[in-house]
Amino acid sequence: MVSLQSLLWALPAFLCIHVVEEFCYPGGFIQWMAAFNPRRIKSTRYYIAINTVGIVVGIIIALTAKDIIGYCVYVFLVTFMATNGLSHLIAAVQERVYCPGCVSGPLLFIPLAIVSYWKFTTDNLINWQSLVLNAILGFVVGFLAFTVHRRRASSKVTREE
C-alpha cells in the first residue's frame, strides 16, 4: 500500500523531475515556447521563479499537511500539475513535435493525482465533497493558466477576420 507521506513527498520530487525535463534534459521549454507560442514567452527569470515557488510550496505541503486544509491544498496542487502535464501532452500532439515536459507531466502527475484521490478518500483523510471541489478548482485554474495562449490566439484570429 502507498503511505500518505510517500504521496505528499512525491509531489515536490515529481515537480523537480518535471522541471529537469522542461529545462535541463532534454530541456528547451523556453525555446519551444519561442517557436510555438511567441506571444506567451516569458523571461528565464520568470520560469525559474515560478518553478522554484512550485517546488517550495510542494515541500511546505509535504512538511505540514496533517489535516483537511493541508490535504485539500495538496489535492488542488496535484490536480493543477496533472492539468499542466496534460497541457504539455496536448501541445505536443497539436504541434506534432516534442514539447519539453510532455513525458514527465502526464506520466507522473496524472497517476499521482488518481492514487492520491483514492488514498485520501479510502483512508477518510478528507470527504469526497472536499476532494471533488479542490480537484475541480485545481483543474479549472490549471486549464485557465495553461490554455490562455491558445484562447488569445484563436480570439485574435476571429477578431481579424
Protein backbone atom coordinates (compact mmCIF):
# COMPACT_ATOMS: atom_id res chain seq x y z
CA MET A 1 0.00 0.00 0.00
CA VAL A 2 1.03 3.59 -0.57
CA SER A 3 1.77 5.65 2.52
CA LEU A 4 0.46 9.16 2.96
CA GLN A 5 3.97 10.53 3.46
CA SER A 6 5.19 8.98 0.21
CA LEU A 7 2.34 10.66 -1.68
CA LEU A 8 2.98 14.02 -0.04
CA TRP A 9 6.72 13.87 -0.81
CA ALA A 10 6.14 12.55 -4.34
CA LEU A 11 4.68 15.94 -5.30
CA PRO A 12 7.86 18.04 -4.82
CA ALA A 13 10.03 15.17 -6.10
CA PHE A 14 7.93 14.89 -9.26
CA LEU A 15 8.00 18.68 -9.65
CA CYS A 16 11.81 18.51 -9.66
CA ILE A 17 11.80 15.74 -12.28
CA HIS A 18 9.33 17.71 -14.41
CA VAL A 19 11.47 20.87 -14.21
CA VAL A 20 14.54 18.87 -15.25
CA GLU A 21 12.69 17.58 -18.32
CA GLU A 22 11.42 21.06 -19.17
CA PHE A 23 14.66 22.97 -18.76
CA CYS A 24 17.68 20.68 -18.33
CA TYR A 25 17.45 17.30 -20.04
CA PRO A 26 16.38 17.21 -22.78
CA GLY A 27 15.21 20.73 -21.93
CA GLY A 28 14.39 23.55 -24.22
CA PHE A 29 10.96 24.61 -22.96
CA ILE A 30 11.76 28.30 -23.38
CA GLN A 31 12.93 27.67 -26.96
CA TRP A 32 9.81 25.58 -27.58
CA MET A 33 7.62 28.43 -26.33
CA ALA A 34 9.51 30.92 -28.51
CA ALA A 35 8.91 28.73 -31.57
CA PHE A 36 5.28 27.74 -30.99
CA ASN A 37 3.83 30.41 -28.68
CA PRO A 38 5.99 33.53 -29.07
CA ARG A 39 3.33 35.83 -27.60
CA ARG A 40 3.34 33.78 -24.40
CA ILE A 41 7.11 33.69 -23.85
CA LYS A 42 8.36 34.99 -20.51
CA SER A 43 11.85 35.68 -19.22
CA THR A 44 14.11 32.91 -17.98
CA ARG A 45 13.93 34.55 -14.54
CA TYR A 46 10.13 34.16 -14.56
CA TYR A 47 10.32 30.42 -15.31
CA ILE A 48 12.99 29.90 -12.65
CA ALA A 49 10.92 31.82 -10.09
CA ILE A 50 7.60 30.11 -10.84
CA ASN A 51 9.12 26.62 -10.76
CA THR A 52 11.08 27.37 -7.58
CA VAL A 53 7.87 28.58 -5.92
CA GLY A 54 6.09 25.39 -7.03
CA ILE A 55 8.79 23.14 -5.59
CA VAL A 56 8.95 25.12 -2.32
CA VAL A 57 5.15 25.00 -1.98
CA GLY A 58 5.28 21.24 -2.61
CA ILE A 59 7.89 20.84 0.15
CA ILE A 60 5.86 23.00 2.55
CA ILE A 61 2.77 20.88 1.86
CA ALA A 62 4.75 17.66 2.42
CA LEU A 63 6.08 19.00 5.73
CA THR A 64 2.86 20.49 7.08
CA ALA A 65 -0.18 18.68 5.61
CA LYS A 66 -1.73 16.97 8.62
CA ASP A 67 -5.39 17.94 8.41
CA ILE A 68 -8.18 18.57 5.91
CA ILE A 69 -6.88 22.02 4.95
CA GLY A 70 -3.41 20.72 4.09
CA TYR A 71 -4.85 17.74 2.23
CA CYS A 72 -7.19 20.00 0.24
CA VAL A 73 -4.27 22.23 -0.75
CA TYR A 74 -2.37 19.10 -1.80
CA VAL A 75 -5.32 17.86 -3.90
CA PHE A 76 -5.58 21.28 -5.56
CA LEU A 77 -1.85 21.38 -6.40
CA VAL A 78 -1.58 17.79 -7.59
CA THR A 79 -4.61 18.32 -9.86
CA PHE A 80 -3.16 21.62 -11.08
CA MET A 81 0.08 19.80 -12.00
CA ALA A 82 -1.80 16.93 -13.66
CA THR A 83 -3.53 19.57 -15.78
CA ASN A 84 -0.12 21.06 -16.57
CA GLY A 85 1.12 17.64 -17.68
CA LEU A 86 -1.95 17.17 -19.84
CA SER A 87 -1.41 20.60 -21.42
CA HIS A 88 2.17 19.63 -22.36
CA LEU A 89 0.92 16.41 -23.95
CA ILE A 90 -1.85 18.21 -25.87
CA ALA A 91 0.65 20.82 -27.10
CA ALA A 92 2.98 18.08 -28.35
CA VAL A 93 0.15 16.35 -30.19
CA GLN A 94 -1.19 19.60 -31.68
CA GLU A 95 2.22 20.79 -32.87
CA ARG A 96 3.37 17.26 -33.80
CA VAL A 97 6.70 17.87 -32.07
CA TYR A 98 8.13 17.02 -28.66
CA CYS A 99 7.14 19.59 -26.04
CA PRO A 100 9.52 19.59 -23.06
CA GLY A 101 7.50 18.31 -20.12
CA CYS A 102 5.14 16.13 -22.18
CA VAL A 103 6.61 12.89 -20.78
CA SER A 104 7.09 13.57 -17.07
CA GLY A 105 3.96 15.70 -16.67
CA PRO A 106 1.33 13.14 -17.65
CA LEU A 107 3.30 10.05 -16.56
CA LEU A 108 3.97 11.36 -13.06
CA PHE A 109 1.19 13.76 -12.09
CA ILE A 110 -1.91 12.05 -13.51
CA PRO A 111 -1.23 8.74 -11.71
CA LEU A 112 -0.18 10.65 -8.58
CA ALA A 113 -3.50 12.51 -8.63
CA ILE A 114 -5.53 9.32 -9.09
CA VAL A 115 -3.68 7.41 -6.35
CA SER A 116 -3.93 10.44 -4.04
CA TYR A 117 -7.70 10.75 -4.59
CA TRP A 118 -8.10 7.07 -3.80
CA LYS A 119 -5.86 7.18 -0.70
CA PHE A 120 -7.41 10.35 0.73
CA THR A 121 -10.98 9.08 0.40
CA THR A 122 -10.46 5.44 1.40
CA ASP A 123 -8.46 6.46 4.49
CA ASN A 124 -11.09 9.11 5.32
CA LEU A 125 -8.49 11.89 5.32
CA ILE A 126 -10.92 14.19 3.51
CA ASN A 127 -14.52 13.72 2.48
CA TRP A 128 -15.37 13.20 -1.16
CA GLN A 129 -17.05 16.62 -1.44
CA SER A 130 -13.84 18.41 -0.41
CA LEU A 131 -11.82 16.23 -2.73
CA VAL A 132 -14.10 16.89 -5.70
CA LEU A 133 -14.26 20.63 -5.02
CA ASN A 134 -10.47 21.00 -4.78
CA ALA A 135 -9.83 18.74 -7.75
CA ILE A 136 -12.26 20.78 -9.87
CA LEU A 137 -10.66 24.03 -8.70
CA GLY A 138 -7.18 22.68 -9.48
CA PHE A 139 -8.31 21.62 -12.95
CA VAL A 140 -10.12 24.87 -13.75
CA VAL A 141 -7.27 27.08 -12.55
CA GLY A 142 -4.77 24.87 -14.40
CA PHE A 143 -6.88 24.89 -17.55
CA LEU A 144 -7.16 28.67 -17.46
CA ALA A 145 -3.45 29.13 -16.72
CA PHE A 146 -2.15 26.66 -19.28
CA THR A 147 -4.50 27.32 -22.20
CA VAL A 148 -4.67 31.12 -22.14
CA HIS A 149 -2.28 31.42 -25.09
CA ARG A 150 -4.48 29.18 -27.23
CA ARG A 151 -7.64 31.13 -26.36
CA ARG A 152 -5.97 34.50 -27.05
CA ALA A 153 -4.57 33.33 -30.38
CA SER A 154 -7.93 31.97 -31.57
CA SER A 155 -9.86 35.07 -30.44
CA LYS A 156 -7.37 37.32 -32.23
CA VAL A 157 -7.84 35.36 -35.46
CA THR A 158 -11.60 35.71 -35.08
CA ARG A 159 -11.38 39.48 -34.50
CA GLU A 160 -9.07 39.97 -37.51
CA GLU A 161 -11.40 38.12 -39.88
